[in-house]
Amino acid sequence: MVNYASSKEGADRVVSDIAEQGGTAFAAQDDVSKSGDVKQLFEDVAREFGGLDVLVNNAGIRLVRWSRSPRRSFTASTTRMY
């Protein structure tokens, strides 16, 4: 399942790429910041594939304010997150 927020065209390209490699996928537009949408995502995956084996989360908010040293700023920001 390829989840997208705003780019159906981009999600459809990813689904096509997966299919070209012999995989199976579908695109779904949901807002992962809303618990109801997340529940629906899991229900869709269970219906289509029987369950979930792997979850890759690449969505998030930007917490970093870059300074002159991006590495130092990133390290400081991520340290505070955990």
PDB file of N, CA and C in Angstrom:
ATOM      1  N   MET A   1       0.841  -1.160   0.000  1.00  0.00           N
ATOM      2  CA  MET A   1       0.000   0.000   0.000  1.00  0.00           C
ATOM      3  C   MET A   1       0.894   1.232   0.000  1.00  0.00           C
ATOM      4  N   VAL A   2       0.604   2.126  -0.891  1.00  0.00           N
ATOM      5  CA  VAL A   2       1.339   3.387  -0.993  1.00  0.00           C
ATOM      6  C   VAL A   2       0.386   4.486  -0.539  1.00  0.00           C
ATOM      7  N   ASN A   3       0.683   5.073   0.601  1.00  0.00           N
ATOM      8  CA  ASN A   3      -0.146   6.140   1.137  1.00  0.00           C
ATOM      9  C   ASN A   3       0.374   7.476   0.637  1.00  0.00           C
ATOM     10  N   TYR A   4      -0.530   8.376   0.332  1.00  0.00           N
ATOM     11  CA  TYR A   4      -0.121   9.713  -0.105  1.00  0.00           C
ATOM     12  C   TYR A   4      -1.042  10.751   0.490  1.00  0.00           C
ATOM     13  N   ALA A   5      -0.511  11.944   0.642  1.00  0.00           N
ATOM     14  CA  ALA A   5      -1.299  13.051   1.170  1.00  0.00           C
ATOM     15  C   ALA A   5      -1.880  13.892   0.044  1.00  0.00           C
ATOM     16  N   SER A   6      -1.060  14.179  -0.980  1.00  0.00           N
ATOM     17  CA  SER A   6      -1.541  15.113  -1.995  1.00  0.00           C
ATOM     18  C   SER A   6      -1.209  14.722  -3.426  1.00  0.00           C
ATOM     19  N   SER A   7      -0.262  13.838  -3.651  1.00  0.00           N
ATOM     20  CA  SER A   7       0.155  13.545  -5.021  1.00  0.00           C
ATOM     21  C   SER A   7      -0.290  12.154  -5.468  1.00  0.00           C
ATOM     22  N   LYS A   8      -1.510  12.078  -5.954  1.00  0.00           N
ATOM     23  CA  LYS A   8      -2.012  10.801  -6.468  1.00  0.00           C
ATOM     24  C   LYS A   8      -1.154  10.323  -7.629  1.00  0.00           C
ATOM     25  N   GLU A   9      -0.732  11.247  -8.475  1.00  0.00           N
ATOM     26  CA  GLU A   9       0.094  10.882  -9.627  1.00  0.00           C
ATOM     27  C   GLU A   9       1.407  10.239  -9.173  1.00  0.00           C
ATOM     28  N   GLY A  10       2.029  10.820  -8.166  1.00  0.00           N
ATOM     29  CA  GLY A  10       3.273  10.266  -7.642  1.00  0.00           C
ATOM     30  C   GLY A  10       3.060   8.887  -7.031  1.00  0.00           C
ATOM     31  N   ALA A  11       1.993   8.738  -6.268  1.00  0.00           N
ATOM     32  CA  ALA A  11       1.685   7.440  -5.657  1.00  0.00           C
ATOM     33  C   ALA A  11       1.402   6.399  -6.734  1.00  0.00           C
ATOM     34  N   ASP A  12       0.677   6.785  -7.766  1.00  0.00           N
ATOM     35  CA  ASP A  12       0.386   5.854  -8.856  1.00  0.00           C
ATOM     36  C   ASP A  12       1.659   5.418  -9.581  1.00  0.00           C
ATOM     37  N   ARG A  13       2.629   6.324  -9.699  1.00  0.00           N
ATOM     38  CA  ARG A  13       3.915   5.946 -10.313  1.00  0.00           C
ATOM     39  C   ARG A  13       4.639   4.907  -9.461  1.00  0.00           C
ATOM     40  N   VAL A  14       4.595   5.097  -8.146  1.00  0.00           N
ATOM     41  CA  VAL A  14       5.234   4.133  -7.251  1.00  0.00           C
ATOM     42  C   VAL A  14       4.541   2.777  -7.349  1.00  0.00           C
ATOM     43  N   VAL A  15       3.222   2.771  -7.376  1.00  0.00           N
ATOM     44  CA  VAL A  15       2.469   1.520  -7.535  1.00  0.00           C
ATOM     45  C   VAL A  15       2.849   0.844  -8.847  1.00  0.00           C
ATOM     46  N   SER A  16       2.971   1.610  -9.915  1.00  0.00           N
ATOM     47  CA  SER A  16       3.377   1.057 -11.213  1.00  0.00           C
ATOM     48  C   SER A  16       4.777   0.466 -11.152  1.00  0.00           C
ATOM     49  N   ASP A  17       5.690   1.162 -10.498  1.00  0.00           N
ATOM     50  CA  ASP A  17       7.056   0.654 -10.351  1.00  0.00           C
ATOM     51  C   ASP A  17       7.069  -0.667  -9.587  1.00  0.00           C
ATOM     52  N   ILE A  18       6.273  -0.749  -8.549  1.00  0.00           N
ATOM     53  CA  ILE A  18       6.190  -1.989  -7.763  1.00  0.00           C
ATOM     54  C   ILE A  18       5.645  -3.114  -8.625  1.00  0.00           C
ATOM     55  N   ALA A  19       4.603  -2.835  -9.395  1.00  0.00           N
ATOM     56  CA  ALA A  19       4.013  -3.849 -10.264  1.00  0.00           C
ATOM     57  C   ALA A  19       4.990  -4.309 -11.336  1.00  0.00           C
ATOM     58  N   GLU A  20       5.771  -3.385 -11.885  1.00  0.00           N
ATOM     59  CA  GLU A  20       6.766  -3.729 -12.903  1.00  0.00           C
ATOM     60  C   GLU A  20       7.834  -4.678 -12.352  1.00  0.00           C
ATOM     61  N   GLN A  21       8.063  -4.612 -11.054  1.00  0.00           N
ATOM     62  CA  GLN A  21       9.051  -5.485 -10.418  1.00  0.00           C
ATOM     63  C   GLN A  21       8.421  -6.783  -9.902  1.00  0.00           C
ATOM     64  N   GLY A  22       7.137  -6.986 -10.223  1.00  0.00           N
ATOM     65  CA  GLY A  22       6.459  -8.222  -9.831  1.00  0.00           C
ATOM     66  C   GLY A  22       5.713  -8.156  -8.521  1.00  0.00           C
ATOM     67  N   GLY A  23       5.645  -6.975  -7.915  1.00  0.00           N
ATOM     68  CA  GLY A  23       4.952  -6.829  -6.639  1.00  0.00           C
ATOM     69  C   GLY A  23       3.501  -6.427  -6.816  1.00  0.00           C
ATOM     70  N   THR A  24       2.819  -6.332  -5.722  1.00  0.00           N
ATOM     71  CA  THR A  24       1.414  -5.924  -5.706  1.00  0.00           C
ATOM     72  C   THR A  24       1.274  -4.741  -4.756  1.00  0.00           C
ATOM     73  N   ALA A  25       0.578  -3.718  -5.195  1.00  0.00           N
ATOM     74  CA  ALA A  25       0.386  -2.536  -4.357  1.00  0.00           C
ATOM     75  C   ALA A  25      -0.863  -1.789  -4.799  1.00  0.00           C
ATOM     76  N   PHE A  26      -1.331  -0.925  -3.936  1.00  0.00           N
ATOM     77  CA  PHE A  26      -2.405   0.005  -4.287  1.00  0.00           C
ATOM     78  C   PHE A  26      -2.125   1.325  -3.592  1.00  0.00           C
ATOM     79  N   ALA A  27      -2.670   2.396  -4.120  1.00  0.00           N
ATOM     80  CA  ALA A  27      -2.485   3.726  -3.549  1.00  0.00           C
ATOM     81  C   ALA A  27      -3.717   4.112  -2.743  1.00  0.00           C
ATOM     82  N   ALA A  28      -3.485   4.792  -1.621  1.00  0.00           N
ATOM     83  CA  ALA A  28      -4.582   5.253  -0.778  1.00  0.00           C
ATOM     84  C   ALA A  28      -4.250   6.631  -0.234  1.00  0.00           C
ATOM     85  N   GLN A  29      -5.206   7.528  -0.306  1.00  0.00           N
ATOM     86  CA  GLN A  29      -5.002   8.874   0.225  1.00  0.00           C
ATOM     87  C   GLN A  29      -5.605   8.948   1.619  1.00  0.00           C
ATOM     88  N   ASP A  30      -4.756   9.175   2.592  1.00  0.00           N
ATOM     89  CA  ASP A  30      -5.189   9.301   3.979  1.00  0.00           C
ATOM     90  C   ASP A  30      -4.266  10.269   4.697  1.00  0.00           C
ATOM     91  N   ASP A  31      -4.756  10.826   5.785  1.00  0.00           N
ATOM     92  CA  ASP A  31      -3.980  11.741   6.605  1.00  0.00           C
ATOM     93  C   ASP A  31      -3.510  10.973   7.840  1.00  0.00           C
ATOM     94  N   VAL A  32      -2.219  10.648   7.894  1.00  0.00           N
ATOM     95  CA  VAL A  32      -1.708   9.830   8.998  1.00  0.00           C
ATOM     96  C   VAL A  32      -1.672  10.576  10.333  1.00  0.00           C
ATOM     97  N   SER A  33      -2.027  11.849  10.342  1.00  0.00           N
ATOM     98  CA  SER A  33      -2.129  12.569  11.611  1.00  0.00           C
ATOM     99  C   SER A  33      -3.504  12.373  12.244  1.00  0.00           C
ATOM    100  N   LYS A  34      -4.408  11.677  11.551  1.00  0.00           N
ATOM    101  CA  LYS A  34      -5.765  11.435  12.060  1.00  0.00           C
ATOM    102  C   LYS A  34      -5.928   9.947  12.356  1.00  0.00           C
ATOM    103  N   SER A  35      -6.267   9.638  13.589  1.00  0.00           N
ATOM    104  CA  SER A  35      -6.343   8.238  14.004  1.00  0.00           C
ATOM    105  C   SER A  35      -7.362   7.442  13.186  1.00  0.00           C
ATOM    106  N   GLY A  36      -8.458   8.051  12.793  1.00  0.00           N
ATOM    107  CA  GLY A  36      -9.458   7.359  11.986  1.00  0.00           C
ATOM    108  C   GLY A  36      -8.912   6.952  10.622  1.00  0.00           C
ATOM    109  N   ASP A  37      -8.118   7.836  10.017  1.00  0.00           N
ATOM    110  CA  ASP A  37      -7.504   7.524   8.723  1.00  0.00           C
ATOM    111  C   ASP A  37      -6.480   6.402   8.865  1.00  0.00           C
ATOM    112  N   VAL A  38      -5.706   6.418   9.956  1.00  0.00           N
ATOM    113  CA  VAL A  38      -4.712   5.367  10.179  1.00  0.00           C
ATOM    114  C   VAL A  38      -5.412   4.024  10.370  1.00  0.00           C
ATOM    115  N   LYS A  39      -6.481   4.015  11.133  1.00  0.00           N
ATOM    116  CA  LYS A  39      -7.255   2.779  11.322  1.00  0.00           C
ATOM    117  C   LYS A  39      -7.748   2.256   9.974  1.00  0.00           C
ATOM    118  N   GLN A  40      -8.232   3.147   9.130  1.00  0.00           N
ATOM    119  CA  GLN A  40      -8.709   2.755   7.805  1.00  0.00           C
ATOM    120  C   GLN A  40      -7.572   2.177   6.956  1.00  0.00           C
ATOM    121  N   LEU A  41      -6.394   2.771   7.048  1.00  0.00           N
ATOM    122  CA  LEU A  41      -5.236   2.250   6.312  1.00  0.00           C
ATOM    123  C   LEU A  41      -4.961   0.806   6.690  1.00  0.00           C
ATOM    124  N   PHE A  42      -4.932   0.525   7.988  1.00  0.00           N
ATOM    125  CA  PHE A  42      -4.657  -0.833   8.443  1.00  0.00           C
ATOM    126  C   PHE A  42      -5.761  -1.798   8.017  1.00  0.00           C
ATOM    127  N   GLU A  43      -6.998  -1.345   8.042  1.00  0.00           N
ATOM    128  CA  GLU A  43      -8.106  -2.187   7.578  1.00  0.00           C
ATOM    129  C   GLU A  43      -7.971  -2.483   6.081  1.00  0.00           C
ATOM    130  N   ASP A  44      -7.592  -1.477   5.301  1.00  0.00           N
ATOM    131  CA  ASP A  44      -7.407  -1.686   3.856  1.00  0.00           C
ATOM    132  C   ASP A  44      -6.281  -2.678   3.577  1.00  0.00           C
ATOM    133  N   VAL A  45      -5.185  -2.545   4.314  1.00  0.00           N
ATOM    134  CA  VAL A  45      -4.051  -3.454   4.134  1.00  0.00           C
ATOM    135  C   VAL A  45      -4.456  -4.873   4.522  1.00  0.00           C
ATOM    136  N   ALA A  46      -5.175  -5.030   5.622  1.00  0.00           N
ATOM    137  CA  ALA A  46      -5.619  -6.357   6.051  1.00  0.00           C
ATOM    138  C   ALA A  46      -6.546  -6.979   5.014  1.00  0.00           C
ATOM    139  N   ARG A  47      -7.431  -6.186   4.448  1.00  0.00           N
ATOM    140  CA  ARG A  47      -8.370  -6.698   3.438  1.00  0.00           C
ATOM    141  C   ARG A  47      -7.628  -7.113   2.162  1.00  0.00           C
ATOM    142  N   GLU A  48      -6.680  -6.300   1.729  1.00  0.00           N
ATOM    143  CA  GLU A  48      -5.973  -6.563   0.468  1.00  0.00           C
ATOM    144  C   GLU A  48      -4.893  -7.637   0.594  1.00  0.00           C
ATOM    145  N   PHE A  49      -4.182  -7.645   1.735  1.00  0.00           N
ATOM    146  CA  PHE A  49      -2.994  -8.490   1.853  1.00  0.00           C
ATOM    147  C   PHE A  49      -3.040  -9.476   3.019  1.00  0.00           C
ATOM    148  N   GLY A  50      -4.085  -9.417   3.835  1.00  0.00           N
ATOM    149  CA  GLY A  50      -4.193 -10.341   4.952  1.00  0.00           C
ATOM    150  C   GLY A  50      -3.472  -9.891   6.212  1.00  0.00           C
ATOM    151  N   GLY A  51      -2.807  -8.787   6.173  1.00  0.00           N
ATOM    152  CA  GLY A  51      -2.102  -8.268   7.340  1.00  0.00           C
ATOM    153  C   GLY A  51      -0.912  -7.432   6.926  1.00  0.00           C
ATOM    154  N   LEU A  52      -0.176  -6.996   7.913  1.00  0.00           N
ATOM    155  CA  LEU A  52       0.962  -6.113   7.688  1.00  0.00           C
ATOM    156  C   LEU A  52       2.238  -6.800   8.139  1.00  0.00           C
ATOM    157  N   ASP A  53       3.240  -6.856   7.272  1.00  0.00           N
ATOM    158  CA  ASP A  53       4.536  -7.440   7.607  1.00  0.00           C
ATOM    159  C   ASP A  53       5.584  -6.376   7.903  1.00  0.00           C
ATOM    160  N   VAL A  54       5.578  -5.279   7.134  1.00  0.00           N
ATOM    161  CA  VAL A  54       6.588  -4.235   7.276  1.00  0.00           C
ATOM    162  C   VAL A  54       5.911  -2.880   7.138  1.00  0.00           C
ATOM    163  N   LEU A  55       6.327  -1.942   7.969  1.00  0.00           N
ATOM    164  CA  LEU A  55       5.832  -0.572   7.889  1.00  0.00           C
ATOM    165  C   LEU A  55       7.025   0.354   7.747  1.00  0.00           C
ATOM    166  N   VAL A  56       7.026   1.159   6.695  1.00  0.00           N
ATOM    167  CA  VAL A  56       8.078   2.152   6.490  1.00  0.00           C
ATOM    168  C   VAL A  56       7.427   3.522   6.612  1.00  0.00           C
ATOM    169  N   ASN A  57       7.821   4.254   7.620  1.00  0.00           N
ATOM    170  CA  ASN A  57       7.263   5.582   7.835  1.00  0.00           C
ATOM    171  C   ASN A  57       8.251   6.615   7.316  1.00  0.00           C
ATOM    172  N   ASN A  58       7.857   7.321   6.291  1.00  0.00           N
ATOM    173  CA  ASN A  58       8.716   8.397   5.791  1.00  0.00           C
ATOM    174  C   ASN A  58       7.992   9.735   5.853  1.00  0.00           C
ATOM    175  N   ALA A  59       6.949   9.796   6.649  1.00  0.00           N
ATOM    176  CA  ALA A  59       6.220  11.050   6.831  1.00  0.00           C
ATOM    177  C   ALA A  59       6.639  11.651   8.166  1.00  0.00           C
ATOM    178  N   GLY A  60       6.641  12.941   8.237  1.00  0.00           N
ATOM    179  CA  GLY A  60       6.991  13.565   9.503  1.00  0.00           C
ATOM    180  C   GLY A  60       6.927  15.061   9.402  1.00  0.00           C
ATOM    181  N   ILE A  61       7.236  15.676  10.495  1.00  0.00           N
ATOM    182  CA  ILE A  61       7.270  17.131  10.521  1.00  0.00           C
ATOM    183  C   ILE A  61       8.717  17.571  10.628  1.00  0.00           C
ATOM    184  N   ARG A  62       8.971  18.743  10.179  1.00  0.00           N
ATOM    185  CA  ARG A  62      10.335  19.277  10.241  1.00  0.00           C
ATOM    186  C   ARG A  62      10.555  19.898  11.611  1.00  0.00           C
ATOM    187  N   LEU A  63      11.501  19.341  12.334  1.00  0.00           N
ATOM    188  CA  LEU A  63      11.810  19.828  13.672  1.00  0.00           C
ATOM    189  C   LEU A  63      13.113  20.596  13.721  1.00  0.00           C
ATOM    190  N   VAL A  64      13.834  20.613  12.632  1.00  0.00           N
ATOM    191  CA  VAL A  64      15.189  21.144  12.624  1.00  0.00           C
ATOM    192  C   VAL A  64      15.200  22.554  12.052  1.00  0.00           C
ATOM    193  N   ARG A  65      15.887  23.434  12.734  1.00  0.00           N
ATOM    194  CA  ARG A  65      16.164  24.755  12.203  1.00  0.00           C
ATOM    195  C   ARG A  65      17.647  24.781  11.902  1.00  0.00           C
ATOM    196  N   TRP A  66      17.988  24.830  10.620  1.00  0.00           N
ATOM    197  CA  TRP A  66      19.393  24.723  10.237  1.00  0.00           C
ATOM    198  C   TRP A  66      20.177  25.948  10.671  1.00  0.00           C
ATOM    199  N   SER A  67      21.322  25.691  11.215  1.00  0.00           N
ATOM    200  CA  SER A  67      22.244  26.756  11.588  1.00  0.00           C
ATOM    201  C   SER A  67      23.414  26.710  10.613  1.00  0.00           C
ATOM    202  N   ARG A  68      24.517  27.314  10.994  1.00  0.00           N
ATOM    203  CA  ARG A  68      25.699  27.252  10.133  1.00  0.00           C
ATOM    204  C   ARG A  68      26.233  25.834  10.038  1.00  0.00           C
ATOM    205  N   SER A  69      25.941  25.020  11.012  1.00  0.00           N
ATOM    206  CA  SER A  69      26.399  23.637  11.006  1.00  0.00           C
ATOM    207  C   SER A  69      25.179  22.721  11.001  1.00  0.00           C
ATOM    208  N   PRO A  70      24.712  22.329   9.822  1.00  0.00           N
ATOM    209  CA  PRO A  70      23.511  21.483   9.764  1.00  0.00           C
ATOM    210  C   PRO A  70      23.649  20.209  10.584  1.00  0.00           C
ATOM    211  N   ARG A  71      24.817  19.568  10.574  1.00  0.00           N
ATOM    212  CA  ARG A  71      24.994  18.322  11.325  1.00  0.00           C
ATOM    213  C   ARG A  71      24.800  18.561  12.828  1.00  0.00           C
ATOM    214  N   ARG A  72      25.407  19.621  13.344  1.00  0.00           N
ATOM    215  CA  ARG A  72      25.283  19.922  14.758  1.00  0.00           C
ATOM    216  C   ARG A  72      23.837  20.248  15.107  1.00  0.00           C
ATOM    217  N   SER A  73      23.174  21.032  14.281  1.00  0.00           N
ATOM    218  CA  SER A  73      21.782  21.394  14.520  1.00  0.00           C
ATOM    219  C   SER A  73      20.893  20.156  14.487  1.00  0.00           C
ATOM    220  N   PHE A  74      21.111  19.280  13.500  1.00  0.00           N
ATOM    221  CA  PHE A  74      20.305  18.065  13.381  1.00  0.00           C
ATOM    222  C   PHE A  74      20.516  17.170  14.594  1.00  0.00           C
ATOM    223  N   THR A  75      21.752  16.990  15.005  1.00  0.00           N
ATOM    224  CA  THR A  75      22.060  16.138  16.160  1.00  0.00           C
ATOM    225  C   THR A  75      21.392  16.684  17.412  1.00  0.00           C
ATOM    226  N   ALA A  76      21.469  17.976  17.618  1.00  0.00           N
ATOM    227  CA  ALA A  76      20.848  18.583  18.793  1.00  0.00           C
ATOM    228  C   ALA A  76      19.341  18.408  18.764  1.00  0.00           C
ATOM    229  N   SER A  77      18.724  18.587  17.609  1.00  0.00           N
ATOM    230  CA  SER A  77      17.276  18.463  17.504  1.00  0.00           C
ATOM    231  C   SER A  77      16.817  17.025  17.720  1.00  0.00           C
ATOM    232  N   THR A  78      17.516  16.066  17.118  1.00  0.00           N
ATOM    233  CA  THR A  78      17.091  14.678  17.251  1.00  0.00           C
ATOM    234  C   THR A  78      17.371  14.162  18.653  1.00  0.00           C
ATOM    235  N   THR A  79      18.397  14.661  19.322  1.00  0.00           N
ATOM    236  CA  THR A  79      18.680  14.244  20.692  1.00  0.00           C
ATOM    237  C   THR A  79      17.538  14.668  21.600  1.00  0.00           C
ATOM    238  N   ARG A  80      17.012  15.853  21.389  1.00  0.00           N
ATOM    239  CA  ARG A  80      15.882  16.330  22.211  1.00  0.00           C
ATOM    240  C   ARG A  80      14.627  15.518  21.945  1.00  0.00           C
ATOM    241  N   MET A  81      14.463  14.984  20.730  1.00  0.00           N
ATOM    242  CA  MET A  81      13.270  14.214  20.397  1.00  0.00           C
ATOM    243  C   MET A  81      13.206  12.930  21.216  1.00  0.00           C
ATOM    244  N   TYR A  82      14.334  12.313  21.500  1.00  0.00           N
ATOM    245  CA  TYR A  82      14.356  11.016  22.174  1.00  0.00           C
ATOM    246  C   TYR A  82      14.687  11.188  23.626  1.00  0.00           C
TER     247      TYR A  82
END
